[in-house]
């Protein structure tokens, strides 16, 4: 059984690692289990901050930041649809 913290960490890692389908699937599972969508959005927001830090240190460049933003948008759409 996956705990809430594990699910949030999984979504966080997926976003930071630019794994769109993994992030979407995790968010869908989160919602299907009846968890608070705002809690997941907060975790994803933290992931975007991490992406920003990677950009600042030149580990990520603009294309990766844009991909992360698209993933964030996709997960937000999943949440708003439910």
C-alpha atoms as a PDB file:
ATOM      1  CA  UNK A   1       0.000   0.000   0.000  1.00  0.00           C
ATOM      2  CA  UNK A   2       1.333   3.387  -0.967  1.00  0.00           C
ATOM      3  CA  UNK A   3       1.133   6.070   1.700  1.00  0.00           C
ATOM      4  CA  UNK A   4       0.223   9.672   1.020  1.00  0.00           C
ATOM      5  CA  UNK A   5       3.796  10.804   1.644  1.00  0.00           C
ATOM      6  CA  UNK A   6       5.153   8.190  -0.757  1.00  0.00           C
ATOM      7  CA  UNK A   7       2.689   9.280  -3.431  1.00  0.00           C
ATOM      8  CA  UNK A   8       3.621  12.941  -3.014  1.00  0.00           C
ATOM      9  CA  UNK A   9       7.330  12.070  -3.200  1.00  0.00           C
ATOM     10  CA  UNK A  10       6.707   9.970  -6.306  1.00  0.00           C
ATOM     11  CA  UNK A  11       4.903  12.841  -8.046  1.00  0.00           C
ATOM     12  CA  UNK A  12       7.610  15.262  -6.901  1.00  0.00           C
ATOM     13  CA  UNK A  13      10.395  13.064  -8.300  1.00  0.00           C
ATOM     14  CA  UNK A  14       8.485  12.484 -11.530  1.00  0.00           C
ATOM     15  CA  UNK A  15       8.104  16.213 -12.123  1.00  0.00           C
ATOM     16  CA  UNK A  16      11.714  17.022 -11.239  1.00  0.00           C
ATOM     17  CA  UNK A  17      12.914  14.165 -13.469  1.00  0.00           C
ATOM     18  CA  UNK A  18      10.584  15.282 -16.280  1.00  0.00           C
ATOM     19  CA  UNK A  19       8.634  12.005 -16.320  1.00  0.00           C
ATOM     20  CA  UNK A  20       5.259  13.286 -17.484  1.00  0.00           C
ATOM     21  CA  UNK A  21       3.287  10.048 -17.588  1.00  0.00           C
ATOM     22  CA  UNK A  22       4.557   9.001 -14.154  1.00  0.00           C
ATOM     23  CA  UNK A  23       3.502  12.361 -12.710  1.00  0.00           C
ATOM     24  CA  UNK A  24       0.060  12.191 -14.324  1.00  0.00           C
ATOM     25  CA  UNK A  25      -0.523   8.596 -13.226  1.00  0.00           C
ATOM     26  CA  UNK A  26       0.466   9.400  -9.663  1.00  0.00           C
ATOM     27  CA  UNK A  27      -1.827  12.433  -9.537  1.00  0.00           C
ATOM     28  CA  UNK A  28      -4.710  10.368 -10.947  1.00  0.00           C
ATOM     29  CA  UNK A  29      -4.154   7.718  -8.295  1.00  0.00           C
ATOM     30  CA  UNK A  30      -4.000  10.427  -5.625  1.00  0.00           C
ATOM     31  CA  UNK A  31      -7.337  11.843  -6.728  1.00  0.00           C
ATOM     32  CA  UNK A  32      -8.944   8.410  -7.142  1.00  0.00           C
ATOM     33  CA  UNK A  33      -8.058   7.625  -3.529  1.00  0.00           C
ATOM     34  CA  UNK A  34      -9.971  10.725  -2.439  1.00  0.00           C
ATOM     35  CA  UNK A  35      -6.956  12.653  -1.191  1.00  0.00           C
ATOM     36  CA  UNK A  36      -6.860  16.436  -0.954  1.00  0.00           C
ATOM     37  CA  UNK A  37      -5.869  17.872  -4.348  1.00  0.00           C
ATOM     38  CA  UNK A  38      -4.379  20.990  -2.762  1.00  0.00           C
ATOM     39  CA  UNK A  39      -1.953  18.815  -0.822  1.00  0.00           C
ATOM     40  CA  UNK A  40      -0.699  17.307  -4.087  1.00  0.00           C
ATOM     41  CA  UNK A  41      -0.521  20.716  -5.772  1.00  0.00           C
ATOM     42  CA  UNK A  42       1.677  21.949  -2.918  1.00  0.00           C
ATOM     43  CA  UNK A  43       4.049  19.033  -3.480  1.00  0.00           C
ATOM     44  CA  UNK A  44       4.162  19.713  -7.221  1.00  0.00           C
ATOM     45  CA  UNK A  45       4.802  23.386  -6.523  1.00  0.00           C
ATOM     46  CA  UNK A  46       7.785  22.379  -4.393  1.00  0.00           C
ATOM     47  CA  UNK A  47       8.992  20.262  -7.308  1.00  0.00           C
ATOM     48  CA  UNK A  48       8.833  23.281  -9.597  1.00  0.00           C
ATOM     49  CA  UNK A  49      10.969  25.186  -7.095  1.00  0.00           C
ATOM     50  CA  UNK A  50      13.498  22.358  -7.324  1.00  0.00           C
ATOM     51  CA  UNK A  51      13.410  22.620 -11.129  1.00  0.00           C
ATOM     52  CA  UNK A  52      14.113  26.342 -10.750  1.00  0.00           C
ATOM     53  CA  UNK A  53      17.114  25.579  -8.561  1.00  0.00           C
ATOM     54  CA  UNK A  54      18.412  23.143 -11.176  1.00  0.00           C
ATOM     55  CA  UNK A  55      18.059  25.926 -13.744  1.00  0.00           C
ATOM     56  CA  UNK A  56      19.959  28.357 -11.524  1.00  0.00           C
ATOM     57  CA  UNK A  57      22.839  25.893 -11.178  1.00  0.00           C
ATOM     58  CA  UNK A  58      22.764  25.219 -14.931  1.00  0.00           C
ATOM     59  CA  UNK A  59      21.885  21.571 -14.387  1.00  0.00           C
ATOM     60  CA  UNK A  60      18.702  22.266 -16.343  1.00  0.00           C
ATOM     61  CA  UNK A  61      18.279  24.671 -19.214  1.00  0.00           C
ATOM     62  CA  UNK A  62      15.233  26.469 -20.551  1.00  0.00           C
ATOM     63  CA  UNK A  63      13.838  23.466 -22.485  1.00  0.00           C
ATOM     64  CA  UNK A  64      13.779  21.364 -19.292  1.00  0.00           C
ATOM     65  CA  UNK A  65      12.099  24.168 -17.361  1.00  0.00           C
ATOM     66  CA  UNK A  66       9.475  24.452 -20.096  1.00  0.00           C
ATOM     67  CA  UNK A  67       8.921  20.671 -20.031  1.00  0.00           C
ATOM     68  CA  UNK A  68       8.445  20.800 -16.257  1.00  0.00           C
ATOM     69  CA  UNK A  69       5.936  23.627 -16.666  1.00  0.00           C
ATOM     70  CA  UNK A  70       4.013  21.565 -19.221  1.00  0.00           C
ATOM     71  CA  UNK A  71       3.973  18.593 -16.853  1.00  0.00           C
ATOM     72  CA  UNK A  72       2.733  20.860 -14.064  1.00  0.00           C
ATOM     73  CA  UNK A  73      -0.004  22.103 -16.390  1.00  0.00           C
ATOM     74  CA  UNK A  74      -0.994  18.542 -17.317  1.00  0.00           C
ATOM     75  CA  UNK A  75      -1.211  17.442 -13.694  1.00  0.00           C
ATOM     76  CA  UNK A  76      -3.227  20.555 -12.859  1.00  0.00           C
ATOM     77  CA  UNK A  77      -5.697  19.660 -15.595  1.00  0.00           C
ATOM     78  CA  UNK A  78      -6.041  16.144 -14.147  1.00  0.00           C
ATOM     79  CA  UNK A  79      -6.827  17.632 -10.761  1.00  0.00           C
ATOM     80  CA  UNK A  80      -9.309  20.173 -12.109  1.00  0.00           C
ATOM     81  CA  UNK A  81     -11.156  17.488 -14.094  1.00  0.00           C
ATOM     82  CA  UNK A  82     -11.931  15.462 -10.977  1.00  0.00           C
END
